[in-house]
Amino acid sequence: MTMTTDTQTPAAAAAAAATGGGRVTLDEVRRVLADAGINPGQTNAGRVRVLLGHRGSQETIQRALLTLRQEQVQAQAQADLADLSDNAPAPPVPAELTGMLTGMLAAAWQSAHGITQAQMLRRIERTAGERDRAEAGRATAEADLESLARDIDESRAAAEDAQAALAKATAEAQAIRQQMQEQAQAHAEALAQARALAAEREREQERERAAAAAAAALAEAGRDLMRQEMARLTDQIGELKAHLYKRAEQQE
């Protein structure tokens, strides 16, 4: 049964712990594939390297896979020859011929599979490079997103601070406007009272001017009367003097 997991197997973990992570051997590759139940002809060096705990180079693992596949081909060829000998009675095949056929098949398989694996390795390298570039792009995009998120958070915080400052300034302006309105009302009331007092003062001054004018007129009338009385008295004194002079003349 073929397993599809790409995680490190217990055997690979134990081997990595025992060796401290070093050069990968053919036996380690054979053992990790056997533990994972993976056919050497149905996997690749990258996957095996993951199962080995990311140990060894892909080139070394690929050579081990080629060797294991060659062993599979030889075993299959021997099994096919055994089936032919069992199902169709024939003279036994010479060992030299069997070895030669097995070697030819193995060489042909190795040559074809080597070309395929070389192409696959180049394709894997290109894919790995593209994957690395994509990972770098993704990391850059994530960093940009994080930076943008921080900028958005900072902008949101600044907007909230600005909104709070605006609300505070609005409240202060409202309080100042209310205070100014109250002061204006007080000034208006004080001005109205001052105008009322000024009008009352003006009326009092008008009454005082009228009284002064009346007193002046009365005084002028008194002066005229006194002048008239003094003129009458002066006339009487003159007449009395004249009478006295006349009487004195008569007595003499």
C-alpha atoms as a PDB file:
ATOM      1  CA  MET A   1       0.000   0.000   0.000  1.00  0.00           C
ATOM      2  CA  THR A   2       1.357   3.485  -0.961  1.00  0.00           C
ATOM      3  CA  MET A   3       1.204   6.183   1.751  1.00  0.00           C
ATOM      4  CA  THR A   4       0.743   9.833   0.804  1.00  0.00           C
ATOM      5  CA  THR A   5       2.047  11.429   3.980  1.00  0.00           C
ATOM      6  CA  ASP A   6       5.066  13.713   3.766  1.00  0.00           C
ATOM      7  CA  THR A   7       5.859  13.731   7.456  1.00  0.00           C
ATOM      8  CA  GLN A   8       8.979  12.222   8.981  1.00  0.00           C
ATOM      9  CA  THR A   9       8.586   8.544   9.910  1.00  0.00           C
ATOM     10  CA  PRO A  10       9.583   7.225  13.358  1.00  0.00           C
ATOM     11  CA  ALA A  11      12.419   5.240  11.810  1.00  0.00           C
ATOM     12  CA  ALA A  12      13.723   8.334  10.052  1.00  0.00           C
ATOM     13  CA  ALA A  13      13.453  10.315  13.263  1.00  0.00           C
ATOM     14  CA  ALA A  14      15.350   7.625  15.145  1.00  0.00           C
ATOM     15  CA  ALA A  15      17.999   7.460  12.416  1.00  0.00           C
ATOM     16  CA  ALA A  16      18.359  11.229  12.429  1.00  0.00           C
ATOM     17  CA  ALA A  17      18.695  11.248  16.209  1.00  0.00           C
ATOM     18  CA  ALA A  18      21.271   8.465  16.105  1.00  0.00           C
ATOM     19  CA  THR A  19      23.384  10.031  13.356  1.00  0.00           C
ATOM     20  CA  GLY A  20      22.860  13.594  14.457  1.00  0.00           C
ATOM     21  CA  GLY A  21      21.788  14.416  10.877  1.00  0.00           C
ATOM     22  CA  GLY A  22      24.555  13.652   8.362  1.00  0.00           C
ATOM     23  CA  ARG A  23      25.058  11.840   5.089  1.00  0.00           C
ATOM     24  CA  VAL A  24      22.101   9.673   4.054  1.00  0.00           C
ATOM     25  CA  THR A  25      22.872   6.045   3.157  1.00  0.00           C
ATOM     26  CA  LEU A  26      21.120   3.624   0.824  1.00  0.00           C
ATOM     27  CA  ASP A  27      19.957   1.516   3.768  1.00  0.00           C
ATOM     28  CA  GLU A  28      18.361   4.550   5.410  1.00  0.00           C
ATOM     29  CA  VAL A  29      16.455   5.368   2.233  1.00  0.00           C
ATOM     30  CA  ARG A  30      15.367   1.733   1.856  1.00  0.00           C
ATOM     31  CA  ARG A  31      14.303   1.576   5.502  1.00  0.00           C
ATOM     32  CA  VAL A  32      12.323   4.857   5.508  1.00  0.00           C
ATOM     33  CA  LEU A  33      10.487   3.860   2.309  1.00  0.00           C
ATOM     34  CA  ALA A  34       9.699   0.448   3.727  1.00  0.00           C
ATOM     35  CA  ASP A  35       8.420   1.952   6.989  1.00  0.00           C
ATOM     36  CA  ALA A  36       6.251   4.412   5.065  1.00  0.00           C
ATOM     37  CA  GLY A  37       5.058   1.751   2.613  1.00  0.00           C
ATOM     38  CA  ILE A  38       6.157   3.789  -0.409  1.00  0.00           C
ATOM     39  CA  ASN A  39       7.290   2.251  -3.704  1.00  0.00           C
ATOM     40  CA  PRO A  40      10.680   3.703  -4.823  1.00  0.00           C
ATOM     41  CA  GLY A  41       9.328   4.045  -8.357  1.00  0.00           C
ATOM     42  CA  GLN A  42       6.380   6.160  -7.191  1.00  0.00           C
ATOM     43  CA  THR A  43       8.120   8.907  -5.224  1.00  0.00           C
ATOM     44  CA  ASN A  44      10.828  11.526  -5.639  1.00  0.00           C
ATOM     45  CA  ALA A  45      13.911  12.753  -3.840  1.00  0.00           C
ATOM     46  CA  GLY A  46      12.180  15.790  -2.328  1.00  0.00           C
ATOM     47  CA  ARG A  47       9.507  13.695  -0.676  1.00  0.00           C
ATOM     48  CA  VAL A  48      12.021  11.179   0.641  1.00  0.00           C
ATOM     49  CA  ARG A  49      14.118  14.023   2.031  1.00  0.00           C
ATOM     50  CA  VAL A  50      11.079  15.222   4.007  1.00  0.00           C
ATOM     51  CA  LEU A  51      10.587  11.687   5.360  1.00  0.00           C
ATOM     52  CA  LEU A  52      14.270  11.679   6.369  1.00  0.00           C
ATOM     53  CA  GLY A  53      13.783  14.831   8.420  1.00  0.00           C
ATOM     54  CA  HIS A  54      15.244  17.134   5.722  1.00  0.00           C
ATOM     55  CA  ARG A  55      18.569  15.285   5.836  1.00  0.00           C
ATOM     56  CA  GLY A  56      20.882  14.613   2.913  1.00  0.00           C
ATOM     57  CA  SER A  57      21.069  16.162  -0.528  1.00  0.00           C
ATOM     58  CA  GLN A  58      18.547  15.457  -3.247  1.00  0.00           C
ATOM     59  CA  GLU A  59      21.326  14.151  -5.489  1.00  0.00           C
ATOM     60  CA  THR A  60      22.341  11.493  -2.935  1.00  0.00           C
ATOM     61  CA  ILE A  61      18.735  10.495  -2.316  1.00  0.00           C
ATOM     62  CA  GLN A  62      18.091  10.341  -6.073  1.00  0.00           C
ATOM     63  CA  ARG A  63      21.028   7.975  -6.578  1.00  0.00           C
ATOM     64  CA  ALA A  64      19.664   5.772  -3.799  1.00  0.00           C
ATOM     65  CA  LEU A  65      16.229   5.761  -5.465  1.00  0.00           C
ATOM     66  CA  LEU A  66      17.788   4.770  -8.783  1.00  0.00           C
ATOM     67  CA  THR A  67      19.601   1.894  -7.087  1.00  0.00           C
ATOM     68  CA  LEU A  68      16.396   0.721  -5.374  1.00  0.00           C
ATOM     69  CA  ARG A  69      14.485   0.933  -8.659  1.00  0.00           C
ATOM     70  CA  GLN A  70      17.220  -1.081 -10.397  1.00  0.00           C
ATOM     71  CA  GLU A  71      16.906  -3.694  -7.675  1.00  0.00           C
ATOM     72  CA  GLN A  72      13.162  -3.762  -8.295  1.00  0.00           C
ATOM     73  CA  VAL A  73      13.742  -4.241 -12.042  1.00  0.00           C
ATOM     74  CA  GLN A  74      16.180  -7.074 -11.434  1.00  0.00           C
ATOM     75  CA  ALA A  75      13.818  -8.706  -8.961  1.00  0.00           C
ATOM     76  CA  GLN A  76      10.902  -8.350 -11.402  1.00  0.00           C
ATOM     77  CA  ALA A  77      12.987  -9.783 -14.250  1.00  0.00           C
ATOM     78  CA  GLN A  78      13.970 -12.756 -12.163  1.00  0.00           C
ATOM     79  CA  ALA A  79      10.350 -13.228 -11.109  1.00  0.00           C
ATOM     80  CA  ASP A  80       9.213 -13.075 -14.763  1.00  0.00           C
ATOM     81  CA  LEU A  81      11.833 -15.640 -15.766  1.00  0.00           C
ATOM     82  CA  ALA A  82      10.769 -17.846 -12.877  1.00  0.00           C
ATOM     83  CA  ASP A  83       7.133 -17.604 -14.018  1.00  0.00           C
ATOM     84  CA  LEU A  84       8.112 -18.527 -17.564  1.00  0.00           C
ATOM     85  CA  SER A  85      10.089 -21.510 -16.393  1.00  0.00           C
ATOM     86  CA  ASP A  86       7.215 -22.627 -14.168  1.00  0.00           C
ATOM     87  CA  ASN A  87       4.387 -22.197 -16.737  1.00  0.00           C
ATOM     88  CA  ALA A  88       6.168 -23.314 -19.874  1.00  0.00           C
ATOM     89  CA  PRO A  89       8.547 -26.245 -19.483  1.00  0.00           C
ATOM     90  CA  ALA A  90      11.746 -25.448 -21.281  1.00  0.00           C
ATOM     91  CA  PRO A  91      15.381 -26.047 -20.925  1.00  0.00           C
ATOM     92  CA  PRO A  92      16.871 -24.116 -18.049  1.00  0.00           C
ATOM     93  CA  VAL A  93      18.163 -20.712 -19.003  1.00  0.00           C
ATOM     94  CA  PRO A  94      21.877 -20.405 -18.547  1.00  0.00           C
ATOM     95  CA  ALA A  95      22.888 -18.207 -15.653  1.00  0.00           C
ATOM     96  CA  GLU A  96      25.079 -16.134 -17.995  1.00  0.00           C
ATOM     97  CA  LEU A  97      22.073 -15.377 -20.225  1.00  0.00           C
ATOM     98  CA  THR A  98      19.901 -14.526 -17.266  1.00  0.00           C
ATOM     99  CA  GLY A  99      22.512 -12.177 -15.901  1.00  0.00           C
ATOM    100  CA  MET A 100      23.059 -10.648 -19.314  1.00  0.00           C
ATOM    101  CA  LEU A 101      19.318 -10.079 -19.874  1.00  0.00           C
ATOM    102  CA  THR A 102      18.928  -8.707 -16.388  1.00  0.00           C
ATOM    103  CA  GLY A 103      21.890  -6.395 -16.896  1.00  0.00           C
ATOM    104  CA  MET A 104      20.555  -5.221 -20.268  1.00  0.00           C
ATOM    105  CA  LEU A 105      17.092  -4.555 -18.857  1.00  0.00           C
ATOM    106  CA  ALA A 106      18.543  -2.828 -15.839  1.00  0.00           C
ATOM    107  CA  ALA A 107      20.859  -0.710 -17.983  1.00  0.00           C
ATOM    108  CA  ALA A 108      17.994   0.269 -20.307  1.00  0.00           C
ATOM    109  CA  TRP A 109      15.740   1.060 -17.375  1.00  0.00           C
ATOM    110  CA  GLN A 110      18.467   2.995 -15.603  1.00  0.00           C
ATOM    111  CA  SER A 111      19.301   5.008 -18.743  1.00  0.00           C
ATOM    112  CA  ALA A 112      15.658   5.900 -19.470  1.00  0.00           C
ATOM    113  CA  HIS A 113      14.826   6.535 -15.868  1.00  0.00           C
ATOM    114  CA  GLY A 114      18.006   8.549 -15.370  1.00  0.00           C
ATOM    115  CA  ILE A 115      17.023  10.883 -18.206  1.00  0.00           C
ATOM    116  CA  THR A 116      13.528  11.172 -16.794  1.00  0.00           C
ATOM    117  CA  GLN A 117      14.835  11.792 -13.304  1.00  0.00           C
ATOM    118  CA  ALA A 118      17.312  14.386 -14.562  1.00  0.00           C
ATOM    119  CA  GLN A 119      14.486  16.213 -16.282  1.00  0.00           C
ATOM    120  CA  MET A 120      12.379  15.801 -13.161  1.00  0.00           C
ATOM    121  CA  LEU A 121      15.193  17.137 -10.983  1.00  0.00           C
ATOM    122  CA  ARG A 122      15.544  20.208 -13.201  1.00  0.00           C
ATOM    123  CA  ARG A 123      11.796  20.645 -13.090  1.00  0.00           C
ATOM    124  CA  ILE A 124      11.879  20.238  -9.301  1.00  0.00           C
ATOM    125  CA  GLU A 125      14.646  22.797  -9.031  1.00  0.00           C
ATOM    126  CA  ARG A 126      12.697  25.244 -11.201  1.00  0.00           C
ATOM    127  CA  THR A 127       9.575  24.545  -9.178  1.00  0.00           C
ATOM    128  CA  ALA A 128      11.508  24.992  -5.935  1.00  0.00           C
ATOM    129  CA  GLY A 129      12.889  28.286  -7.198  1.00  0.00           C
ATOM    130  CA  GLU A 130       9.434  29.435  -8.217  1.00  0.00           C
ATOM    131  CA  ARG A 131       8.121  28.241  -4.873  1.00  0.00           C
ATOM    132  CA  ASP A 132      10.874  30.141  -3.040  1.00  0.00           C
ATOM    133  CA  ARG A 133      10.106  33.265  -5.051  1.00  0.00           C
ATOM    134  CA  ALA A 134       6.408  32.798  -4.350  1.00  0.00           C
ATOM    135  CA  GLU A 135       7.155  32.315  -0.647  1.00  0.00           C
ATOM    136  CA  ALA A 136       9.316  35.450  -0.682  1.00  0.00           C
ATOM    137  CA  GLY A 137       6.529  37.328  -2.458  1.00  0.00           C
ATOM    138  CA  ARG A 138       4.005  35.987   0.014  1.00  0.00           C
ATOM    139  CA  ALA A 139       6.238  36.994   2.937  1.00  0.00           C
ATOM    140  CA  THR A 140       6.654  40.453   1.415  1.00  0.00           C
ATOM    141  CA  ALA A 141       2.905  40.715   0.865  1.00  0.00           C
ATOM    142  CA  GLU A 142       2.241  39.612   4.454  1.00  0.00           C
ATOM    143  CA  ALA A 143       4.759  42.167   5.717  1.00  0.00           C
ATOM    144  CA  ASP A 144       3.085  44.821   3.576  1.00  0.00           C
ATOM    145  CA  LEU A 145      -0.308  43.776   4.898  1.00  0.00           C
ATOM    146  CA  GLU A 146       0.960  43.904   8.479  1.00  0.00           C
ATOM    147  CA  SER A 147       2.473  47.340   7.834  1.00  0.00           C
ATOM    148  CA  LEU A 148      -0.769  48.457   6.206  1.00  0.00           C
ATOM    149  CA  ALA A 149      -2.745  47.076   9.145  1.00  0.00           C
ATOM    150  CA  ARG A 150      -0.488  48.991  11.542  1.00  0.00           C
ATOM    151  CA  ASP A 151      -0.926  52.127   9.454  1.00  0.00           C
ATOM    152  CA  ILE A 152      -4.696  51.613   9.476  1.00  0.00           C
ATOM    153  CA  ASP A 153      -4.668  51.093  13.255  1.00  0.00           C
ATOM    154  CA  GLU A 154      -2.521  54.188  13.730  1.00  0.00           C
ATOM    155  CA  SER A 155      -4.779  56.173  11.392  1.00  0.00           C
ATOM    156  CA  ARG A 156      -7.851  54.904  13.238  1.00  0.00           C
ATOM    157  CA  ALA A 157      -6.276  55.839  16.576  1.00  0.00           C
ATOM    158  CA  ALA A 158      -5.301  59.259  15.217  1.00  0.00           C
ATOM    159  CA  ALA A 159      -8.837  59.725  13.877  1.00  0.00           C
ATOM    160  CA  GLU A 160     -10.289  58.761  17.249  1.00  0.00           C
ATOM    161  CA  ASP A 161      -7.906  61.174  18.997  1.00  0.00           C
ATOM    162  CA  ALA A 162      -8.827  63.890  16.519  1.00  0.00           C
ATOM    163  CA  GLN A 163     -12.515  63.161  17.014  1.00  0.00           C
ATOM    164  CA  ALA A 164     -12.084  63.310  20.795  1.00  0.00           C
ATOM    165  CA  ALA A 165     -10.136  66.565  20.472  1.00  0.00           C
ATOM    166  CA  LEU A 166     -12.839  67.947  18.166  1.00  0.00           C
ATOM    167  CA  ALA A 167     -15.554  66.955  20.630  1.00  0.00           C
ATOM    168  CA  LYS A 168     -13.602  68.595  23.465  1.00  0.00           C
ATOM    169  CA  ALA A 169     -13.017  71.740  21.405  1.00  0.00           C
ATOM    170  CA  THR A 170     -16.703  71.795  20.434  1.00  0.00           C
ATOM    171  CA  ALA A 171     -17.720  71.499  24.079  1.00  0.00           C
ATOM    172  CA  GLU A 172     -15.282  74.249  25.072  1.00  0.00           C
ATOM    173  CA  ALA A 173     -16.521  76.467  22.232  1.00  0.00           C
ATOM    174  CA  GLN A 174     -20.114  75.805  23.304  1.00  0.00           C
ATOM    175  CA  ALA A 175     -19.234  76.731  26.894  1.00  0.00           C
ATOM    176  CA  ILE A 176     -17.455  79.885  25.722  1.00  0.00           C
ATOM    177  CA  ARG A 177     -20.427  80.757  23.483  1.00  0.00           C
ATOM    178  CA  GLN A 178     -22.802  80.233  26.404  1.00  0.00           C
ATOM    179  CA  GLN A 179     -20.606  82.371  28.639  1.00  0.00           C
ATOM    180  CA  MET A 180     -20.411  85.088  25.998  1.00  0.00           C
ATOM    181  CA  GLN A 181     -24.176  84.997  25.574  1.00  0.00           C
ATOM    182  CA  GLU A 182     -24.622  85.302  29.331  1.00  0.00           C
ATOM    183  CA  GLN A 183     -22.110  88.171  29.438  1.00  0.00           C
ATOM    184  CA  ALA A 184     -23.826  89.845  26.485  1.00  0.00           C
ATOM    185  CA  GLN A 185     -27.178  89.462  28.231  1.00  0.00           C
ATOM    186  CA  ALA A 186     -25.721  90.919  31.422  1.00  0.00           C
ATOM    187  CA  HIS A 187     -24.153  93.784  29.442  1.00  0.00           C
ATOM    188  CA  ALA A 188     -27.453  94.394  27.657  1.00  0.00           C
ATOM    189  CA  GLU A 189     -29.304  94.488  30.965  1.00  0.00           C
ATOM    190  CA  ALA A 190     -26.652  96.773  32.471  1.00  0.00           C
ATOM    191  CA  LEU A 191     -26.850  99.016  29.384  1.00  0.00           C
ATOM    192  CA  ALA A 192     -30.630  99.137  29.641  1.00  0.00           C
ATOM    193  CA  GLN A 193     -30.380 100.067  33.313  1.00  0.00           C
ATOM    194  CA  ALA A 194     -27.757 102.691  32.511  1.00  0.00           C
ATOM    195  CA  ARG A 195     -29.958 104.128  29.769  1.00  0.00           C
ATOM    196  CA  ALA A 196     -32.923 104.150  32.140  1.00  0.00           C
ATOM    197  CA  LEU A 197     -30.831 105.912  34.792  1.00  0.00           C
ATOM    198  CA  ALA A 198     -29.537 108.354  32.209  1.00  0.00           C
ATOM    199  CA  ALA A 199     -33.093 109.091  31.064  1.00  0.00           C
ATOM    200  CA  GLU A 200     -34.201 109.605  34.688  1.00  0.00           C
ATOM    201  CA  ARG A 201     -31.183 111.814  35.272  1.00  0.00           C
ATOM    202  CA  GLU A 202     -32.018 113.755  32.147  1.00  0.00           C
ATOM    203  CA  ARG A 203     -35.576 114.237  33.384  1.00  0.00           C
ATOM    204  CA  GLU A 204     -34.289 115.338  36.796  1.00  0.00           C
ATOM    205  CA  GLN A 205     -31.901 117.769  35.132  1.00  0.00           C
ATOM    206  CA  GLU A 206     -34.762 119.050  33.009  1.00  0.00           C
ATOM    207  CA  ARG A 207     -36.854 119.570  36.138  1.00  0.00           C
ATOM    208  CA  GLU A 208     -33.910 121.250  37.830  1.00  0.00           C
ATOM    209  CA  ARG A 209     -33.395 123.491  34.796  1.00  0.00           C
ATOM    210  CA  ALA A 210     -37.116 124.311  34.819  1.00  0.00           C
ATOM    211  CA  ALA A 211     -36.996 125.067  38.547  1.00  0.00           C
ATOM    212  CA  ALA A 212     -33.858 127.160  38.094  1.00  0.00           C
ATOM    213  CA  ALA A 213     -35.495 129.019  35.236  1.00  0.00           C
ATOM    214  CA  ALA A 214     -38.584 129.622  37.385  1.00  0.00           C
ATOM    215  CA  ALA A 215     -36.416 130.783  40.289  1.00  0.00           C
ATOM    216  CA  ALA A 216     -34.458 133.039  37.955  1.00  0.00           C
ATOM    217  CA  ALA A 217     -37.670 134.456  36.589  1.00  0.00           C
ATOM    218  CA  LEU A 218     -38.983 134.946  40.112  1.00  0.00           C
ATOM    219  CA  ALA A 219     -35.750 136.601  41.163  1.00  0.00           C
ATOM    220  CA  GLU A 220     -35.855 138.871  38.135  1.00  0.00           C
ATOM    221  CA  ALA A 221     -39.422 139.785  38.966  1.00  0.00           C
ATOM    222  CA  GLY A 222     -38.368 140.504  42.560  1.00  0.00           C
ATOM    223  CA  ARG A 223     -35.544 142.664  41.336  1.00  0.00           C
ATOM    224  CA  ASP A 224     -37.904 144.579  39.072  1.00  0.00           C
ATOM    225  CA  LEU A 225     -40.297 145.029  41.948  1.00  0.00           C
ATOM    226  CA  MET A 226     -37.481 146.222  44.202  1.00  0.00           C
ATOM    227  CA  ARG A 227     -36.312 148.643  41.536  1.00  0.00           C
ATOM    228  CA  GLN A 228     -39.816 149.976  41.166  1.00  0.00           C
ATOM    229  CA  GLU A 229     -40.171 150.258  44.975  1.00  0.00           C
ATOM    230  CA  MET A 230     -36.810 151.984  45.275  1.00  0.00           C
ATOM    231  CA  ALA A 231     -37.818 154.374  42.490  1.00  0.00           C
ATOM    232  CA  ARG A 232     -41.106 155.136  44.293  1.00  0.00           C
ATOM    233  CA  LEU A 233     -39.297 155.598  47.584  1.00  0.00           C
ATOM    234  CA  THR A 234     -36.748 157.781  45.888  1.00  0.00           C
ATOM    235  CA  ASP A 235     -39.543 159.861  44.418  1.00  0.00           C
ATOM    236  CA  GLN A 236     -41.233 160.118  47.817  1.00  0.00           C
ATOM    237  CA  ILE A 237     -37.962 161.135  49.459  1.00  0.00           C
ATOM    238  CA  GLY A 238     -37.482 163.769  46.807  1.00  0.00           C
ATOM    239  CA  GLU A 239     -40.981 165.073  47.265  1.00  0.00           C
ATOM    240  CA  LEU A 240     -40.480 165.059  51.076  1.00  0.00           C
ATOM    241  CA  LYS A 241     -37.238 166.973  50.755  1.00  0.00           C
ATOM    242  CA  ALA A 242     -38.879 169.471  48.507  1.00  0.00           C
ATOM    243  CA  HIS A 243     -41.764 169.868  50.932  1.00  0.00           C
ATOM    244  CA  LEU A 244     -39.389 170.305  53.839  1.00  0.00           C
ATOM    245  CA  TYR A 245     -37.340 172.876  51.913  1.00  0.00           C
ATOM    246  CA  LYS A 246     -40.504 174.764  51.072  1.00  0.00           C
ATOM    247  CA  ARG A 247     -41.767 174.668  54.616  1.00  0.00           C
ATOM    248  CA  ALA A 248     -38.452 175.806  55.960  1.00  0.00           C
ATOM    249  CA  GLU A 249     -38.501 178.765  53.562  1.00  0.00           C
ATOM    250  CA  GLN A 250     -42.016 179.658  54.700  1.00  0.00           C
ATOM    251  CA  GLN A 251     -41.026 179.628  58.370  1.00  0.00           C
ATOM    252  CA  GLU A 252     -38.116 181.857  57.714  1.00  0.00           C
END
